[in-house]
Amino acid sequence: MPKIFYVQLTVGNNEFFGEGKTRQAARHNAAMKALQALQNEPIPEKSAQNGESGKEMDDDKDANKSEISLVFEIALKRNMPVSF
């Protein structure tokens, strides 16, 4: 019987659960769920000064980053604690 790993990711006051065949896969699954939720939340006023062109540049750089890295970056910008 194959093992399934489960993790809990807390970002601010939100909790996300992930599962996968490895611990890392479970972390990525939880981070992907967190990213979907965080991207729907409004961006703090500080970051809004960059304008749309800054966002497009960020999207290009983000394509090479893991979901876990992106969650940490978004949480840092919003001053939210992150824990697995």
PDB file of N, CA and C in Angstrom:
ATOM      1  N   MET A   1       0.840  -1.183   0.000  1.00  0.00           N
ATOM      2  CA  MET A   1       0.000   0.000   0.000  1.00  0.00           C
ATOM      3  C   MET A   1       0.888   1.250   0.000  1.00  0.00           C
ATOM      4  N   PRO A   2       0.705   2.159  -0.964  1.00  0.00           N
ATOM      5  CA  PRO A   2       1.566   3.348  -1.031  1.00  0.00           C
ATOM      6  C   PRO A   2       1.279   4.329   0.095  1.00  0.00           C
ATOM      7  N   LYS A   3       2.342   4.992   0.538  1.00  0.00           N
ATOM      8  CA  LYS A   3       2.196   6.011   1.570  1.00  0.00           C
ATOM      9  C   LYS A   3       1.672   7.298   0.956  1.00  0.00           C
ATOM     10  N   ILE A   4       0.838   7.996   1.704  1.00  0.00           N
ATOM     11  CA  ILE A   4       0.368   9.321   1.313  1.00  0.00           C
ATOM     12  C   ILE A   4       0.773  10.269   2.438  1.00  0.00           C
ATOM     13  N   PHE A   5       1.403  11.370   2.069  1.00  0.00           N
ATOM     14  CA  PHE A   5       1.815  12.380   3.035  1.00  0.00           C
ATOM     15  C   PHE A   5       0.790  13.502   3.052  1.00  0.00           C
ATOM     16  N   TYR A   6       0.543  14.018   4.235  1.00  0.00           N
ATOM     17  CA  TYR A   6      -0.384  15.134   4.409  1.00  0.00           C
ATOM     18  C   TYR A   6       0.353  16.257   5.129  1.00  0.00           C
ATOM     19  N   VAL A   7       0.127  17.487   4.692  1.00  0.00           N
ATOM     20  CA  VAL A   7       0.712  18.649   5.371  1.00  0.00           C
ATOM     21  C   VAL A   7      -0.362  19.717   5.553  1.00  0.00           C
ATOM     22  N   GLN A   8      -0.128  20.537   6.539  1.00  0.00           N
ATOM     23  CA  GLN A   8      -0.989  21.691   6.797  1.00  0.00           C
ATOM     24  C   GLN A   8      -0.144  22.929   6.609  1.00  0.00           C
ATOM     25  N   LEU A   9      -0.631  23.856   5.810  1.00  0.00           N
ATOM     26  CA  LEU A   9       0.055  25.121   5.564  1.00  0.00           C
ATOM     27  C   LEU A   9      -0.802  26.241   6.135  1.00  0.00           C
ATOM     28  N   THR A  10      -0.212  27.047   6.999  1.00  0.00           N
ATOM     29  CA  THR A  10      -0.918  28.188   7.570  1.00  0.00           C
ATOM     30  C   THR A  10      -0.287  29.462   7.030  1.00  0.00           C
ATOM     31  N   VAL A  11      -1.121  30.297   6.411  1.00  0.00           N
ATOM     32  CA  VAL A  11      -0.685  31.594   5.892  1.00  0.00           C
ATOM     33  C   VAL A  11      -1.609  32.637   6.519  1.00  0.00           C
ATOM     34  N   GLY A  12      -1.050  33.426   7.431  1.00  0.00           N
ATOM     35  CA  GLY A  12      -1.895  34.379   8.151  1.00  0.00           C
ATOM     36  C   GLY A  12      -2.914  33.607   8.962  1.00  0.00           C
ATOM     37  N   ASN A  13      -4.202  33.897   8.737  1.00  0.00           N
ATOM     38  CA  ASN A  13      -5.280  33.208   9.454  1.00  0.00           C
ATOM     39  C   ASN A  13      -5.884  32.069   8.641  1.00  0.00           C
ATOM     40  N   ASN A  14      -5.342  31.788   7.470  1.00  0.00           N
ATOM     41  CA  ASN A  14      -5.889  30.761   6.585  1.00  0.00           C
ATOM     42  C   ASN A  14      -5.088  29.471   6.677  1.00  0.00           C
ATOM     43  N   GLU A  15      -5.795  28.347   6.605  1.00  0.00           N
ATOM     44  CA  GLU A  15      -5.142  27.042   6.619  1.00  0.00           C
ATOM     45  C   GLU A  15      -5.441  26.310   5.318  1.00  0.00           C
ATOM     46  N   PHE A  16      -4.418  25.627   4.803  1.00  0.00           N
ATOM     47  CA  PHE A  16      -4.546  24.863   3.571  1.00  0.00           C
ATOM     48  C   PHE A  16      -3.940  23.484   3.814  1.00  0.00           C
ATOM     49  N   PHE A  17      -4.574  22.463   3.246  1.00  0.00           N
ATOM     50  CA  PHE A  17      -4.107  21.098   3.426  1.00  0.00           C
ATOM     51  C   PHE A  17      -3.674  20.535   2.088  1.00  0.00           C
ATOM     52  N   GLY A  18      -2.552  19.837   2.096  1.00  0.00           N
ATOM     53  CA  GLY A  18      -2.048  19.232   0.876  1.00  0.00           C
ATOM     54  C   GLY A  18      -1.724  17.773   1.093  1.00  0.00           C
ATOM     55  N   GLU A  19      -1.755  17.016   0.013  1.00  0.00           N
ATOM     56  CA  GLU A  19      -1.390  15.613   0.085  1.00  0.00           C
ATOM     57  C   GLU A  19      -0.585  15.236  -1.142  1.00  0.00           C
ATOM     58  N   GLY A  20       0.256  14.227  -0.984  1.00  0.00           N
ATOM     59  CA  GLY A  20       1.082  13.785  -2.095  1.00  0.00           C
ATOM     60  C   GLY A  20       1.829  12.512  -1.759  1.00  0.00           C
ATOM     61  N   LYS A  21       2.502  11.960  -2.755  1.00  0.00           N
ATOM     62  CA  LYS A  21       3.249  10.714  -2.572  1.00  0.00           C
ATOM     63  C   LYS A  21       4.512  10.921  -1.761  1.00  0.00           C
ATOM     64  N   THR A  22       5.008  12.170  -1.735  1.00  0.00           N
ATOM     65  CA  THR A  22       6.171  12.519  -0.915  1.00  0.00           C
ATOM     66  C   THR A  22       5.807  13.732  -0.071  1.00  0.00           C
ATOM     67  N   ARG A  23       6.615  13.996   0.952  1.00  0.00           N
ATOM     68  CA  ARG A  23       6.368  15.173   1.794  1.00  0.00           C
ATOM     69  C   ARG A  23       6.461  16.446   0.955  1.00  0.00           C
ATOM     70  N   GLN A  24       7.434  16.493   0.059  1.00  0.00           N
ATOM     71  CA  GLN A  24       7.605  17.678  -0.789  1.00  0.00           C
ATOM     72  C   GLN A  24       6.414  17.860  -1.729  1.00  0.00           C
ATOM     73  N   ALA A  25       5.901  16.766  -2.277  1.00  0.00           N
ATOM     74  CA  ALA A  25       4.729  16.848  -3.159  1.00  0.00           C
ATOM     75  C   ALA A  25       3.514  17.365  -2.384  1.00  0.00           C
ATOM     76  N   ALA A  26       3.374  16.938  -1.141  1.00  0.00           N
ATOM     77  CA  ALA A  26       2.276  17.411  -0.305  1.00  0.00           C
ATOM     78  C   ALA A  26       2.421  18.906  -0.006  1.00  0.00           C
ATOM     79  N   ARG A  27       3.662  19.341   0.232  1.00  0.00           N
ATOM     80  CA  ARG A  27       3.898  20.772   0.473  1.00  0.00           C
ATOM     81  C   ARG A  27       3.555  21.599  -0.763  1.00  0.00           C
ATOM     82  N   HIS A  28       3.938  21.123  -1.937  1.00  0.00           N
ATOM     83  CA  HIS A  28       3.620  21.828  -3.179  1.00  0.00           C
ATOM     84  C   HIS A  28       2.116  21.878  -3.413  1.00  0.00           C
ATOM     85  N   ASN A  29       1.415  20.795  -3.090  1.00  0.00           N
ATOM     86  CA  ASN A  29      -0.032  20.755  -3.254  1.00  0.00           C
ATOM     87  C   ASN A  29      -0.710  21.787  -2.354  1.00  0.00           C
ATOM     88  N   ALA A  30      -0.280  21.867  -1.103  1.00  0.00           N
ATOM     89  CA  ALA A  30      -0.845  22.849  -0.177  1.00  0.00           C
ATOM     90  C   ALA A  30      -0.511  24.274  -0.620  1.00  0.00           C
ATOM     91  N   ALA A  31       0.721  24.477  -1.084  1.00  0.00           N
ATOM     92  CA  ALA A  31       1.138  25.808  -1.537  1.00  0.00           C
ATOM     93  C   ALA A  31       0.341  26.246  -2.767  1.00  0.00           C
ATOM     94  N   MET A  32       0.032  25.313  -3.657  1.00  0.00           N
ATOM     95  CA  MET A  32      -0.750  25.638  -4.844  1.00  0.00           C
ATOM     96  C   MET A  32      -2.152  26.110  -4.434  1.00  0.00           C
ATOM     97  N   LYS A  33      -2.741  25.461  -3.458  1.00  0.00           N
ATOM     98  CA  LYS A  33      -4.057  25.865  -2.963  1.00  0.00           C
ATOM     99  C   LYS A  33      -3.980  27.243  -2.317  1.00  0.00           C
ATOM    100  N   ALA A  34      -2.912  27.484  -1.559  1.00  0.00           N
ATOM    101  CA  ALA A  34      -2.742  28.783  -0.911  1.00  0.00           C
ATOM    102  C   ALA A  34      -2.559  29.891  -1.946  1.00  0.00           C
ATOM    103  N   LEU A  35      -1.788  29.613  -2.988  1.00  0.00           N
ATOM    104  CA  LEU A  35      -1.572  30.608  -4.046  1.00  0.00           C
ATOM    105  C   LEU A  35      -2.881  31.020  -4.694  1.00  0.00           C
ATOM    106  N   GLN A  36      -3.737  30.052  -4.971  1.00  0.00           N
ATOM    107  CA  GLN A  36      -5.021  30.362  -5.596  1.00  0.00           C
ATOM    108  C   GLN A  36      -5.834  31.295  -4.716  1.00  0.00           C
ATOM    109  N   ALA A  37      -5.806  31.066  -3.410  1.00  0.00           N
ATOM    110  CA  ALA A  37      -6.556  31.921  -2.487  1.00  0.00           C
ATOM    111  C   ALA A  37      -5.900  33.290  -2.342  1.00  0.00           C
ATOM    112  N   LEU A  38      -4.563  33.322  -2.228  1.00  0.00           N
ATOM    113  CA  LEU A  38      -3.861  34.591  -2.025  1.00  0.00           C
ATOM    114  C   LEU A  38      -3.942  35.502  -3.250  1.00  0.00           C
ATOM    115  N   GLN A  39      -3.960  34.927  -4.435  1.00  0.00           N
ATOM    116  CA  GLN A  39      -4.016  35.745  -5.644  1.00  0.00           C
ATOM    117  C   GLN A  39      -5.364  36.429  -5.798  1.00  0.00           C
ATOM    118  N   ASN A  40      -6.393  35.927  -5.133  1.00  0.00           N
ATOM    119  CA  ASN A  40      -7.718  36.549  -5.199  1.00  0.00           C
ATOM    120  C   ASN A  40      -7.891  37.660  -4.180  1.00  0.00           C
ATOM    121  N   GLU A  41      -6.962  37.757  -3.220  1.00  0.00           N
ATOM    122  CA  GLU A  41      -7.042  38.810  -2.213  1.00  0.00           C
ATOM    123  C   GLU A  41      -6.436  40.099  -2.748  1.00  0.00           C
ATOM    124  N   PRO A  42      -6.941  41.250  -2.277  1.00  0.00           N
ATOM    125  CA  PRO A  42      -6.372  42.522  -2.740  1.00  0.00           C
ATOM    126  C   PRO A  42      -4.933  42.701  -2.275  1.00  0.00           C
ATOM    127  N   ILE A  43      -4.139  43.370  -3.101  1.00  0.00           N
ATOM    128  CA  ILE A  43      -2.736  43.638  -2.790  1.00  0.00           C
ATOM    129  C   ILE A  43      -2.678  44.873  -1.895  1.00  0.00           C
ATOM    130  N   PRO A  44      -1.827  44.872  -0.879  1.00  0.00           N
ATOM    131  CA  PRO A  44      -1.703  46.045  -0.009  1.00  0.00           C
ATOM    132  C   PRO A  44      -1.332  47.296  -0.811  1.00  0.00           C
ATOM    133  N   GLU A  45      -1.680  48.445  -0.288  1.00  0.00           N
ATOM    134  CA  GLU A  45      -1.466  49.725  -0.962  1.00  0.00           C
ATOM    135  C   GLU A  45      -0.013  49.968  -1.350  1.00  0.00           C
ATOM    136  N   LYS A  46       0.930  49.542  -0.524  1.00  0.00           N
ATOM    137  CA  LYS A  46       2.349  49.744  -0.781  1.00  0.00           C
ATOM    138  C   LYS A  46       2.771  49.221  -2.152  1.00  0.00           C
ATOM    139  N   SER A  47       2.328  48.012  -2.485  1.00  0.00           N
ATOM    140  CA  SER A  47       2.722  47.377  -3.734  1.00  0.00           C
ATOM    141  C   SER A  47       2.011  47.973  -4.937  1.00  0.00           C
ATOM    142  N   ALA A  48       0.890  48.626  -4.738  1.00  0.00           N
ATOM    143  CA  ALA A  48       0.097  49.155  -5.846  1.00  0.00           C
ATOM    144  C   ALA A  48       0.814  50.300  -6.568  1.00  0.00           C
ATOM    145  N   GLN A  49       1.837  50.866  -5.971  1.00  0.00           N
ATOM    146  CA  GLN A  49       2.555  51.979  -6.595  1.00  0.00           C
ATOM    147  C   GLN A  49       3.306  51.546  -7.846  1.00  0.00           C
ATOM    148  N   ASN A  50       3.641  50.281  -7.976  1.00  0.00           N
ATOM    149  CA  ASN A  50       4.393  49.786  -9.130  1.00  0.00           C
ATOM    150  C   ASN A  50       3.595  49.853 -10.412  1.00  0.00           C
ATOM    151  N   GLY A  51       2.272  49.770 -10.324  1.00  0.00           N
ATOM    152  CA  GLY A  51       1.446  49.815 -11.523  1.00  0.00           C
ATOM    153  C   GLY A  51       1.393  48.482 -12.224  1.00  0.00           C
ATOM    154  N   GLU A  52       0.685  48.438 -13.328  1.00  0.00           N
ATOM    155  CA  GLU A  52       0.488  47.194 -14.062  1.00  0.00           C
ATOM    156  C   GLU A  52       1.770  46.669 -14.701  1.00  0.00           C
ATOM    157  N   SER A  53       2.636  47.540 -15.192  1.00  0.00           N
ATOM    158  CA  SER A  53       3.847  47.069 -15.857  1.00  0.00           C
ATOM    159  C   SER A  53       4.737  46.295 -14.887  1.00  0.00           C
ATOM    160  N   GLY A  54       4.757  46.699 -13.626  1.00  0.00           N
ATOM    161  CA  GLY A  54       5.525  45.978 -12.629  1.00  0.00           C
ATOM    162  C   GLY A  54       4.963  44.594 -12.397  1.00  0.00           C
ATOM    163  N   LYS A  55       3.658  44.471 -12.425  1.00  0.00           N
ATOM    164  CA  LYS A  55       3.018  43.176 -12.231  1.00  0.00           C
ATOM    165  C   LYS A  55       3.371  42.223 -13.362  1.00  0.00           C
ATOM    166  N   GLU A  56       3.394  42.711 -14.584  1.00  0.00           N
ATOM    167  CA  GLU A  56       3.744  41.856 -15.715  1.00  0.00           C
ATOM    168  C   GLU A  56       5.165  41.347 -15.585  1.00  0.00           C
ATOM    169  N   MET A  57       6.073  42.188 -15.152  1.00  0.00           N
ATOM    170  CA  MET A  57       7.458  41.757 -14.978  1.00  0.00           C
ATOM    171  C   MET A  57       7.537  40.709 -13.884  1.00  0.00           C
ATOM    172  N   ASP A  58       6.775  40.877 -12.779  1.00  0.00           N
ATOM    173  CA  ASP A  58       6.762  39.900 -11.707  1.00  0.00           C
ATOM    174  C   ASP A  58       6.244  38.561 -12.198  1.00  0.00           C
ATOM    175  N   ASP A  59       5.227  38.573 -13.051  1.00  0.00           N
ATOM    176  CA  ASP A  59       4.675  37.332 -13.581  1.00  0.00           C
ATOM    177  C   ASP A  59       5.722  36.561 -14.375  1.00  0.00           C
ATOM    178  N   ASP A  60       6.558  37.262 -15.143  1.00  0.00           N
ATOM    179  CA  ASP A  60       7.607  36.600 -15.920  1.00  0.00           C
ATOM    180  C   ASP A  60       8.625  35.942 -14.996  1.00  0.00           C
ATOM    181  N   LYS A  61       9.028  36.631 -13.936  1.00  0.00           N
ATOM    182  CA  LYS A  61       9.995  36.069 -12.997  1.00  0.00           C
ATOM    183  C   LYS A  61       9.388  34.916 -12.219  1.00  0.00           C
ATOM    184  N   ASP A  62       8.104  35.002 -11.899  1.00  0.00           N
ATOM    185  CA  ASP A  62       7.433  33.987 -11.095  1.00  0.00           C
ATOM    186  C   ASP A  62       7.287  32.659 -11.817  1.00  0.00           C
ATOM    187  N   ALA A  63       7.370  32.653 -13.134  1.00  0.00           N
ATOM    188  CA  ALA A  63       7.190  31.423 -13.903  1.00  0.00           C
ATOM    189  C   ALA A  63       8.230  30.372 -13.535  1.00  0.00           C
ATOM    190  N   ASN A  64       9.407  30.794 -13.076  1.00  0.00           N
ATOM    191  CA  ASN A  64      10.482  29.863 -12.747  1.00  0.00           C
ATOM    192  C   ASN A  64      10.535  29.508 -11.264  1.00  0.00           C
ATOM    193  N   LYS A  65       9.625  30.026 -10.458  1.00  0.00           N
ATOM    194  CA  LYS A  65       9.653  29.804  -9.021  1.00  0.00           C
ATOM    195  C   LYS A  65       8.651  28.729  -8.626  1.00  0.00           C
ATOM    196  N   SER A  66       8.957  28.034  -7.548  1.00  0.00           N
ATOM    197  CA  SER A  66       8.041  27.013  -7.047  1.00  0.00           C
ATOM    198  C   SER A  66       6.864  27.672  -6.331  1.00  0.00           C
ATOM    199  N   GLU A  67       5.800  26.893  -6.168  1.00  0.00           N
ATOM    200  CA  GLU A  67       4.618  27.399  -5.468  1.00  0.00           C
ATOM    201  C   GLU A  67       4.970  27.806  -4.038  1.00  0.00           C
ATOM    202  N   ILE A  68       5.851  27.036  -3.426  1.00  0.00           N
ATOM    203  CA  ILE A  68       6.232  27.317  -2.040  1.00  0.00           C
ATOM    204  C   ILE A  68       6.940  28.668  -1.945  1.00  0.00           C
ATOM    205  N   SER A  69       7.864  28.939  -2.857  1.00  0.00           N
ATOM    206  CA  SER A  69       8.567  30.223  -2.869  1.00  0.00           C
ATOM    207  C   SER A  69       7.598  31.381  -3.076  1.00  0.00           C
ATOM    208  N   LEU A  70       6.656  31.196  -3.980  1.00  0.00           N
ATOM    209  CA  LEU A  70       5.686  32.259  -4.268  1.00  0.00           C
ATOM    210  C   LEU A  70       4.808  32.551  -3.057  1.00  0.00           C
ATOM    211  N   VAL A  71       4.397  31.506  -2.335  1.00  0.00           N
ATOM    212  CA  VAL A  71       3.585  31.712  -1.129  1.00  0.00           C
ATOM    213  C   VAL A  71       4.370  32.522  -0.111  1.00  0.00           C
ATOM    214  N   PHE A  72       5.642  32.172   0.096  1.00  0.00           N
ATOM    215  CA  PHE A  72       6.463  32.920   1.052  1.00  0.00           C
ATOM    216  C   PHE A  72       6.622  34.379   0.626  1.00  0.00           C
ATOM    217  N   GLU A  73       6.824  34.636  -0.665  1.00  0.00           N
ATOM    218  CA  GLU A  73       6.988  36.012  -1.142  1.00  0.00           C
ATOM    219  C   GLU A  73       5.714  36.830  -0.972  1.00  0.00           C
ATOM    220  N   ILE A  74       4.580  36.254  -1.338  1.00  0.00           N
ATOM    221  CA  ILE A  74       3.309  36.972  -1.202  1.00  0.00           C
ATOM    222  C   ILE A  74       3.025  37.251   0.269  1.00  0.00           C
ATOM    223  N   ALA A  75       3.256  36.266   1.123  1.00  0.00           N
ATOM    224  CA  ALA A  75       3.018  36.438   2.553  1.00  0.00           C
ATOM    225  C   ALA A  75       3.936  37.508   3.135  1.00  0.00           C
ATOM    226  N   LEU A  76       5.179  37.547   2.686  1.00  0.00           N
ATOM    227  CA  LEU A  76       6.119  38.560   3.167  1.00  0.00           C
ATOM    228  C   LEU A  76       5.641  39.955   2.795  1.00  0.00           C
ATOM    229  N   LYS A  77       5.185  40.122   1.542  1.00  0.00           N
ATOM    230  CA  LYS A  77       4.682  41.426   1.095  1.00  0.00           C
ATOM    231  C   LYS A  77       3.468  41.868   1.894  1.00  0.00           C
ATOM    232  N   ARG A  78       2.689  40.905   2.355  1.00  0.00           N
ATOM    233  CA  ARG A  78       1.457  41.219   3.090  1.00  0.00           C
ATOM    234  C   ARG A  78       1.637  41.101   4.600  1.00  0.00           C
ATOM    235  N   ASN A  79       2.874  40.884   5.033  1.00  0.00           N
ATOM    236  CA  ASN A  79       3.206  40.781   6.449  1.00  0.00           C
ATOM    237  C   ASN A  79       2.381  39.689   7.135  1.00  0.00           C
ATOM    238  N   MET A  80       2.335  38.506   6.500  1.00  0.00           N
ATOM    239  CA  MET A  80       1.597  37.376   7.028  1.00  0.00           C
ATOM    240  C   MET A  80       2.559  36.261   7.405  1.00  0.00           C
ATOM    241  N   PRO A  81       2.392  35.623   8.556  1.00  0.00           N
ATOM    242  CA  PRO A  81       3.264  34.501   8.925  1.00  0.00           C
ATOM    243  C   PRO A  81       2.915  33.257   8.111  1.00  0.00           C
ATOM    244  N   VAL A  82       3.922  32.424   7.837  1.00  0.00           N
ATOM    245  CA  VAL A  82       3.743  31.181   7.078  1.00  0.00           C
ATOM    246  C   VAL A  82       4.361  30.040   7.877  1.00  0.00           C
ATOM    247  N   SER A  83       3.630  28.926   7.970  1.00  0.00           N
ATOM    248  CA  SER A  83       4.219  27.737   8.606  1.00  0.00           C
ATOM    249  C   SER A  83       3.617  26.477   8.010  1.00  0.00           C
ATOM    250  N   PHE A  84       4.449  25.452   7.866  1.00  0.00           N
ATOM    251  CA  PHE A  84       4.016  24.144   7.386  1.00  0.00           C
ATOM    252  C   PHE A  84       3.886  23.227   8.571  1.00  0.00           C
TER     253      PHE A  84
END
